[in-house]
């Protein structure tokens, strides 16, 4: 059974626990310094504890009680230094996947720098819900071509958009989308038809829909440059 630890039961953390509680294959553990919030979810989770994470012994005691979770979510309303220290202690304890609600983009960079200082695969997934949602909406509303998008976090997007004219009639091997735009073109489809995976020999058709994955800023550059060519 997958073990998930949620630290912080503000609007984001509380809603997350409510949604996760709908899945019977999960064992949930929660902690918040507000006893009222902890009590409100006590019947939906396996472990519900009230405590102040500014005290290192609180987190140490919780991990000793429940063991290492498969996933930890840090969603605290505290100052960024508290969030950073809690994330660091989880990383040092050996938690392999840690989702962190960051304060802003600068805080996100600090967290990634800490994560990159550990050997092996990254463990941190850093989200800024308000900014990420606003960025995604701005990209979609400002674009004439984007039809759908999926936010993967940290500015990474999967986007379906109408194929720019500059890409029509040429093979992907010739276009070199990854080298020119730092995007991976996953596939394409005609409107109303099924998705097809792409390879180097794929030749895109006029008005087809293409699916790319990459950073949001690279998608914007791709759109702008492809329109001008």
C-alpha atoms as a PDB file:
ATOM      1  CA  UNK A   1       0.000   0.000   0.000  1.00  0.00           C
ATOM      2  CA  UNK A   2       1.414   3.406  -1.018  1.00  0.00           C
ATOM      3  CA  UNK A   3       2.246   5.665   1.923  1.00  0.00           C
ATOM      4  CA  UNK A   4       1.771   9.429   1.475  1.00  0.00           C
ATOM      5  CA  UNK A   5       2.690  12.099   4.004  1.00  0.00           C
ATOM      6  CA  UNK A   6       1.126  15.572   3.709  1.00  0.00           C
ATOM      7  CA  UNK A   7       2.697  18.328   5.797  1.00  0.00           C
ATOM      8  CA  UNK A   8       0.448  21.382   6.000  1.00  0.00           C
ATOM      9  CA  UNK A   9      -3.329  21.492   5.724  1.00  0.00           C
ATOM     10  CA  UNK A  10      -4.008  24.906   4.243  1.00  0.00           C
ATOM     11  CA  UNK A  11      -6.325  25.218   1.231  1.00  0.00           C
ATOM     12  CA  UNK A  12      -3.919  23.346  -1.052  1.00  0.00           C
ATOM     13  CA  UNK A  13      -2.980  20.581   1.403  1.00  0.00           C
ATOM     14  CA  UNK A  14      -6.505  20.113   2.744  1.00  0.00           C
ATOM     15  CA  UNK A  15      -7.990  19.760  -0.746  1.00  0.00           C
ATOM     16  CA  UNK A  16      -5.212  17.371  -1.739  1.00  0.00           C
ATOM     17  CA  UNK A  17      -5.915  15.087   1.237  1.00  0.00           C
ATOM     18  CA  UNK A  18      -9.657  15.135   0.517  1.00  0.00           C
ATOM     19  CA  UNK A  19      -9.033  14.016  -3.062  1.00  0.00           C
ATOM     20  CA  UNK A  20      -6.405  11.417  -2.134  1.00  0.00           C
ATOM     21  CA  UNK A  21      -8.749  10.011   0.494  1.00  0.00           C
ATOM     22  CA  UNK A  22     -10.988   8.784  -2.317  1.00  0.00           C
ATOM     23  CA  UNK A  23      -8.390   6.162  -3.287  1.00  0.00           C
ATOM     24  CA  UNK A  24      -8.538   3.053  -1.072  1.00  0.00           C
ATOM     25  CA  UNK A  25      -5.043   1.876  -2.074  1.00  0.00           C
ATOM     26  CA  UNK A  26      -3.375   4.805  -0.282  1.00  0.00           C
ATOM     27  CA  UNK A  27      -2.394   5.176   3.349  1.00  0.00           C
ATOM     28  CA  UNK A  28      -2.379   8.866   4.277  1.00  0.00           C
ATOM     29  CA  UNK A  29      -0.531  10.603   7.093  1.00  0.00           C
ATOM     30  CA  UNK A  30      -1.025  14.308   7.824  1.00  0.00           C
ATOM     31  CA  UNK A  31       0.509  16.933  10.070  1.00  0.00           C
ATOM     32  CA  UNK A  32      -0.405  20.553  10.722  1.00  0.00           C
ATOM     33  CA  UNK A  33       0.138  22.917  13.624  1.00  0.00           C
ATOM     34  CA  UNK A  34      -3.583  23.722  13.746  1.00  0.00           C
ATOM     35  CA  UNK A  35      -5.366  21.007  15.777  1.00  0.00           C
ATOM     36  CA  UNK A  36      -8.734  21.972  14.300  1.00  0.00           C
ATOM     37  CA  UNK A  37      -7.557  21.254  10.749  1.00  0.00           C
ATOM     38  CA  UNK A  38      -5.992  17.975  11.856  1.00  0.00           C
ATOM     39  CA  UNK A  39      -9.216  16.889  13.560  1.00  0.00           C
ATOM     40  CA  UNK A  40     -11.278  17.736  10.471  1.00  0.00           C
ATOM     41  CA  UNK A  41      -9.424  15.045   8.494  1.00  0.00           C
ATOM     42  CA  UNK A  42      -8.721  12.519  11.249  1.00  0.00           C
ATOM     43  CA  UNK A  43     -11.380  10.062  10.044  1.00  0.00           C
ATOM     44  CA  UNK A  44     -10.122  10.140   6.451  1.00  0.00           C
ATOM     45  CA  UNK A  45      -6.444   9.375   7.144  1.00  0.00           C
ATOM     46  CA  UNK A  46      -4.377   6.764   8.920  1.00  0.00           C
ATOM     47  CA  UNK A  47      -2.289   9.183  11.009  1.00  0.00           C
ATOM     48  CA  UNK A  48      -3.254  12.747  11.972  1.00  0.00           C
ATOM     49  CA  UNK A  49      -0.838  14.738  14.127  1.00  0.00           C
ATOM     50  CA  UNK A  50      -0.701  18.340  15.305  1.00  0.00           C
ATOM     51  CA  UNK A  51       2.750  19.860  15.637  1.00  0.00           C
ATOM     52  CA  UNK A  52       5.043  22.747  14.714  1.00  0.00           C
ATOM     53  CA  UNK A  53       7.622  21.795  12.093  1.00  0.00           C
ATOM     54  CA  UNK A  54       9.912  24.607  13.207  1.00  0.00           C
ATOM     55  CA  UNK A  55      10.872  22.069  15.872  1.00  0.00           C
ATOM     56  CA  UNK A  56      13.034  19.407  14.108  1.00  0.00           C
ATOM     57  CA  UNK A  57      12.004  16.781  16.646  1.00  0.00           C
ATOM     58  CA  UNK A  58       8.383  16.948  15.438  1.00  0.00           C
ATOM     59  CA  UNK A  59       9.264  15.686  11.954  1.00  0.00           C
ATOM     60  CA  UNK A  60      11.803  13.206  13.299  1.00  0.00           C
ATOM     61  CA  UNK A  61       9.199  11.766  15.649  1.00  0.00           C
ATOM     62  CA  UNK A  62       6.608  11.485  12.914  1.00  0.00           C
ATOM     63  CA  UNK A  63       8.985   9.655  10.563  1.00  0.00           C
ATOM     64  CA  UNK A  64       9.958   7.331  13.386  1.00  0.00           C
ATOM     65  CA  UNK A  65       6.279   6.530  13.930  1.00  0.00           C
ATOM     66  CA  UNK A  66       5.184   5.992  10.311  1.00  0.00           C
ATOM     67  CA  UNK A  67       8.468   5.054   8.624  1.00  0.00           C
ATOM     68  CA  UNK A  68       9.655   6.537   5.326  1.00  0.00           C
ATOM     69  CA  UNK A  69       6.698   7.440   3.107  1.00  0.00           C
ATOM     70  CA  UNK A  70       6.738   6.723  -0.621  1.00  0.00           C
ATOM     71  CA  UNK A  71       5.810  10.348  -1.208  1.00  0.00           C
ATOM     72  CA  UNK A  72       5.840  13.480   0.939  1.00  0.00           C
ATOM     73  CA  UNK A  73       4.013  16.720   0.164  1.00  0.00           C
ATOM     74  CA  UNK A  74       5.252  19.915   1.827  1.00  0.00           C
ATOM     75  CA  UNK A  75       2.484  22.539   1.711  1.00  0.00           C
ATOM     76  CA  UNK A  76       3.218  24.895   4.583  1.00  0.00           C
ATOM     77  CA  UNK A  77       2.068  28.441   5.108  1.00  0.00           C
ATOM     78  CA  UNK A  78       5.314  29.236   6.917  1.00  0.00           C
ATOM     79  CA  UNK A  79       8.167  31.382   5.646  1.00  0.00           C
ATOM     80  CA  UNK A  80      10.185  29.852   2.832  1.00  0.00           C
ATOM     81  CA  UNK A  81      13.112  29.012   5.119  1.00  0.00           C
ATOM     82  CA  UNK A  82      10.885  26.626   7.131  1.00  0.00           C
ATOM     83  CA  UNK A  83       9.662  24.915   3.962  1.00  0.00           C
ATOM     84  CA  UNK A  84      13.249  24.631   2.743  1.00  0.00           C
ATOM     85  CA  UNK A  85      14.515  23.104   5.984  1.00  0.00           C
ATOM     86  CA  UNK A  86      11.640  20.603   6.125  1.00  0.00           C
ATOM     87  CA  UNK A  87      12.279  19.572   2.513  1.00  0.00           C
ATOM     88  CA  UNK A  88      15.986  19.203   3.260  1.00  0.00           C
ATOM     89  CA  UNK A  89      15.317  17.005   6.308  1.00  0.00           C
ATOM     90  CA  UNK A  90      12.994  14.784   4.279  1.00  0.00           C
ATOM     91  CA  UNK A  91      15.664  14.474   1.575  1.00  0.00           C
ATOM     92  CA  UNK A  92      18.315  13.612   4.137  1.00  0.00           C
ATOM     93  CA  UNK A  93      16.008  11.038   5.725  1.00  0.00           C
ATOM     94  CA  UNK A  94      15.811   9.217   2.375  1.00  0.00           C
ATOM     95  CA  UNK A  95      12.326  10.097   1.067  1.00  0.00           C
ATOM     96  CA  UNK A  96      12.637   9.510  -2.682  1.00  0.00           C
ATOM     97  CA  UNK A  97       9.811  11.746  -3.902  1.00  0.00           C
ATOM     98  CA  UNK A  98       8.974  15.099  -2.328  1.00  0.00           C
ATOM     99  CA  UNK A  99       6.412  17.519  -3.767  1.00  0.00           C
ATOM    100  CA  UNK A 100       6.942  21.040  -2.427  1.00  0.00           C
ATOM    101  CA  UNK A 101       4.656  24.064  -2.656  1.00  0.00           C
ATOM    102  CA  UNK A 102       7.111  26.915  -3.163  1.00  0.00           C
ATOM    103  CA  UNK A 103       6.624  30.584  -2.342  1.00  0.00           C
ATOM    104  CA  UNK A 104       7.890  32.002  -5.647  1.00  0.00           C
ATOM    105  CA  UNK A 105      10.296  31.320  -8.521  1.00  0.00           C
ATOM    106  CA  UNK A 106      13.360  32.290  -6.479  1.00  0.00           C
ATOM    107  CA  UNK A 107      12.348  29.780  -3.805  1.00  0.00           C
ATOM    108  CA  UNK A 108      11.901  27.153  -6.529  1.00  0.00           C
ATOM    109  CA  UNK A 109      15.484  27.739  -7.724  1.00  0.00           C
ATOM    110  CA  UNK A 110      16.827  27.372  -4.181  1.00  0.00           C
ATOM    111  CA  UNK A 111      14.993  24.068  -3.721  1.00  0.00           C
ATOM    112  CA  UNK A 112      16.282  22.687  -7.022  1.00  0.00           C
ATOM    113  CA  UNK A 113      19.823  23.702  -6.072  1.00  0.00           C
ATOM    114  CA  UNK A 114      19.499  21.760  -2.803  1.00  0.00           C
ATOM    115  CA  UNK A 115      18.070  18.735  -4.589  1.00  0.00           C
ATOM    116  CA  UNK A 116      20.869  18.744  -7.169  1.00  0.00           C
ATOM    117  CA  UNK A 117      23.413  18.640  -4.362  1.00  0.00           C
ATOM    118  CA  UNK A 118      22.408  15.045  -3.547  1.00  0.00           C
ATOM    119  CA  UNK A 119      23.685  12.078  -5.562  1.00  0.00           C
ATOM    120  CA  UNK A 120      21.316  10.061  -7.736  1.00  0.00           C
ATOM    121  CA  UNK A 121      18.009  11.028  -9.290  1.00  0.00           C
ATOM    122  CA  UNK A 122      16.252  14.264  -8.251  1.00  0.00           C
ATOM    123  CA  UNK A 123      13.614  13.881  -5.531  1.00  0.00           C
ATOM    124  CA  UNK A 124      12.004  17.324  -5.468  1.00  0.00           C
ATOM    125  CA  UNK A 125       8.958  18.289  -7.531  1.00  0.00           C
ATOM    126  CA  UNK A 126       8.410  21.990  -6.928  1.00  0.00           C
ATOM    127  CA  UNK A 127       5.054  23.610  -7.654  1.00  0.00           C
ATOM    128  CA  UNK A 128       3.773  27.179  -7.398  1.00  0.00           C
ATOM    129  CA  UNK A 129       0.041  26.570  -7.938  1.00  0.00           C
ATOM    130  CA  UNK A 130      -1.006  30.192  -8.394  1.00  0.00           C
ATOM    131  CA  UNK A 131       1.853  31.126 -10.731  1.00  0.00           C
ATOM    132  CA  UNK A 132       1.849  27.837 -12.640  1.00  0.00           C
ATOM    133  CA  UNK A 133      -1.892  28.086 -13.262  1.00  0.00           C
ATOM    134  CA  UNK A 134      -1.581  31.724 -14.348  1.00  0.00           C
ATOM    135  CA  UNK A 135       1.311  30.925 -16.688  1.00  0.00           C
ATOM    136  CA  UNK A 136      -0.616  28.075 -18.286  1.00  0.00           C
ATOM    137  CA  UNK A 137      -3.711  30.215 -18.759  1.00  0.00           C
ATOM    138  CA  UNK A 138      -1.707  33.119 -20.192  1.00  0.00           C
ATOM    139  CA  UNK A 139       0.009  30.840 -22.691  1.00  0.00           C
ATOM    140  CA  UNK A 140      -3.269  29.343 -23.863  1.00  0.00           C
ATOM    141  CA  UNK A 141      -5.145  32.647 -24.059  1.00  0.00           C
ATOM    142  CA  UNK A 142      -2.361  34.445 -25.910  1.00  0.00           C
ATOM    143  CA  UNK A 143      -1.925  31.722 -28.528  1.00  0.00           C
ATOM    144  CA  UNK A 144      -3.896  31.340 -31.730  1.00  0.00           C
ATOM    145  CA  UNK A 145      -2.681  27.764 -32.162  1.00  0.00           C
ATOM    146  CA  UNK A 146      -2.676  26.000 -28.782  1.00  0.00           C
ATOM    147  CA  UNK A 147      -5.644  23.637 -28.424  1.00  0.00           C
ATOM    148  CA  UNK A 148      -4.794  21.664 -25.269  1.00  0.00           C
ATOM    149  CA  UNK A 149      -2.059  21.582 -22.672  1.00  0.00           C
ATOM    150  CA  UNK A 150      -0.995  19.532 -19.669  1.00  0.00           C
ATOM    151  CA  UNK A 151       1.095  21.084 -16.903  1.00  0.00           C
ATOM    152  CA  UNK A 152       3.777  18.662 -15.686  1.00  0.00           C
ATOM    153  CA  UNK A 153       5.157  21.092 -13.096  1.00  0.00           C
ATOM    154  CA  UNK A 154       8.304  23.237 -12.931  1.00  0.00           C
ATOM    155  CA  UNK A 155       7.346  24.990 -16.168  1.00  0.00           C
ATOM    156  CA  UNK A 156       7.229  21.772 -18.213  1.00  0.00           C
ATOM    157  CA  UNK A 157       4.244  21.388 -20.545  1.00  0.00           C
ATOM    158  CA  UNK A 158       2.763  18.943 -23.007  1.00  0.00           C
ATOM    159  CA  UNK A 159       1.008  21.079 -25.629  1.00  0.00           C
ATOM    160  CA  UNK A 160      -1.170  20.260 -28.614  1.00  0.00           C
ATOM    161  CA  UNK A 161      -1.242  23.015 -31.214  1.00  0.00           C
ATOM    162  CA  UNK A 162      -2.058  23.609 -34.856  1.00  0.00           C
ATOM    163  CA  UNK A 163       1.037  22.926 -36.956  1.00  0.00           C
ATOM    164  CA  UNK A 164       2.787  26.177 -37.987  1.00  0.00           C
ATOM    165  CA  UNK A 165       3.126  26.592 -41.774  1.00  0.00           C
ATOM    166  CA  UNK A 166       6.928  26.497 -41.575  1.00  0.00           C
ATOM    167  CA  UNK A 167       6.802  22.827 -40.522  1.00  0.00           C
ATOM    168  CA  UNK A 168       4.413  21.594 -43.212  1.00  0.00           C
ATOM    169  CA  UNK A 169       5.705  19.291 -45.933  1.00  0.00           C
ATOM    170  CA  UNK A 170       9.122  18.639 -44.387  1.00  0.00           C
ATOM    171  CA  UNK A 171      10.317  15.608 -42.431  1.00  0.00           C
ATOM    172  CA  UNK A 172      11.036  15.922 -38.715  1.00  0.00           C
ATOM    173  CA  UNK A 173      14.581  14.754 -39.387  1.00  0.00           C
ATOM    174  CA  UNK A 174      15.037  17.763 -41.639  1.00  0.00           C
ATOM    175  CA  UNK A 175      13.246  20.207 -39.332  1.00  0.00           C
ATOM    176  CA  UNK A 176      15.340  19.312 -36.242  1.00  0.00           C
ATOM    177  CA  UNK A 177      12.722  20.657 -33.824  1.00  0.00           C
ATOM    178  CA  UNK A 178      14.620  19.478 -30.743  1.00  0.00           C
ATOM    179  CA  UNK A 179      17.903  21.077 -31.806  1.00  0.00           C
ATOM    180  CA  UNK A 180      16.320  24.361 -32.913  1.00  0.00           C
ATOM    181  CA  UNK A 181      13.647  24.863 -30.282  1.00  0.00           C
ATOM    182  CA  UNK A 182      14.562  22.522 -27.368  1.00  0.00           C
ATOM    183  CA  UNK A 183      11.213  20.763 -27.793  1.00  0.00           C
ATOM    184  CA  UNK A 184      10.380  17.113 -28.436  1.00  0.00           C
ATOM    185  CA  UNK A 185       7.652  16.549 -31.018  1.00  0.00           C
ATOM    186  CA  UNK A 186       5.819  13.462 -29.750  1.00  0.00           C
ATOM    187  CA  UNK A 187       3.280  13.008 -32.535  1.00  0.00           C
ATOM    188  CA  UNK A 188       0.508  14.459 -34.647  1.00  0.00           C
ATOM    189  CA  UNK A 189      -3.026  13.871 -35.832  1.00  0.00           C
ATOM    190  CA  UNK A 190      -5.517  15.126 -38.361  1.00  0.00           C
ATOM    191  CA  UNK A 191      -8.477  16.887 -36.768  1.00  0.00           C
ATOM    192  CA  UNK A 192     -11.067  14.333 -35.694  1.00  0.00           C
ATOM    193  CA  UNK A 193      -8.629  11.418 -36.055  1.00  0.00           C
ATOM    194  CA  UNK A 194      -6.437   9.381 -33.701  1.00  0.00           C
ATOM    195  CA  UNK A 195      -3.018  10.471 -32.451  1.00  0.00           C
ATOM    196  CA  UNK A 196       0.024   9.086 -34.296  1.00  0.00           C
ATOM    197  CA  UNK A 197       3.530   8.908 -32.862  1.00  0.00           C
ATOM    198  CA  UNK A 198       6.164  10.714 -34.897  1.00  0.00           C
ATOM    199  CA  UNK A 199       9.646   9.688 -36.012  1.00  0.00           C
ATOM    200  CA  UNK A 200      12.393  11.258 -38.132  1.00  0.00           C
ATOM    201  CA  UNK A 201      10.579  10.343 -41.368  1.00  0.00           C
ATOM    202  CA  UNK A 202       7.244  11.895 -40.356  1.00  0.00           C
ATOM    203  CA  UNK A 203       6.089  14.644 -42.742  1.00  0.00           C
ATOM    204  CA  UNK A 204       3.548  17.023 -41.209  1.00  0.00           C
ATOM    205  CA  UNK A 205       0.413  18.081 -43.063  1.00  0.00           C
ATOM    206  CA  UNK A 206      -1.246  21.478 -43.307  1.00  0.00           C
ATOM    207  CA  UNK A 207      -3.650  22.233 -40.409  1.00  0.00           C
ATOM    208  CA  UNK A 208      -2.749  19.018 -38.577  1.00  0.00           C
ATOM    209  CA  UNK A 209      -2.379  19.075 -34.776  1.00  0.00           C
ATOM    210  CA  UNK A 210       1.064  18.408 -33.321  1.00  0.00           C
ATOM    211  CA  UNK A 211       1.941  17.478 -29.729  1.00  0.00           C
ATOM    212  CA  UNK A 212       5.173  18.773 -28.228  1.00  0.00           C
ATOM    213  CA  UNK A 213       6.762  18.579 -24.772  1.00  0.00           C
ATOM    214  CA  UNK A 214       9.071  21.232 -23.380  1.00  0.00           C
ATOM    215  CA  UNK A 215       9.442  24.262 -21.149  1.00  0.00           C
ATOM    216  CA  UNK A 216       6.745  26.912 -21.438  1.00  0.00           C
ATOM    217  CA  UNK A 217       9.194  29.585 -22.590  1.00  0.00           C
ATOM    218  CA  UNK A 218      10.480  27.309 -25.373  1.00  0.00           C
ATOM    219  CA  UNK A 219       6.915  26.670 -26.567  1.00  0.00           C
ATOM    220  CA  UNK A 220       6.400  30.430 -26.809  1.00  0.00           C
ATOM    221  CA  UNK A 221       9.631  30.915 -28.802  1.00  0.00           C
ATOM    222  CA  UNK A 222       8.723  28.007 -31.062  1.00  0.00           C
ATOM    223  CA  UNK A 223       5.347  29.539 -31.858  1.00  0.00           C
ATOM    224  CA  UNK A 224       6.798  32.975 -32.567  1.00  0.00           C
ATOM    225  CA  UNK A 225       9.701  31.810 -34.730  1.00  0.00           C
ATOM    226  CA  UNK A 226       7.715  29.221 -36.663  1.00  0.00           C
ATOM    227  CA  UNK A 227       5.144  31.875 -37.570  1.00  0.00           C
ATOM    228  CA  UNK A 228       7.820  34.231 -38.913  1.00  0.00           C
ATOM    229  CA  UNK A 229       9.625  31.670 -41.073  1.00  0.00           C
END
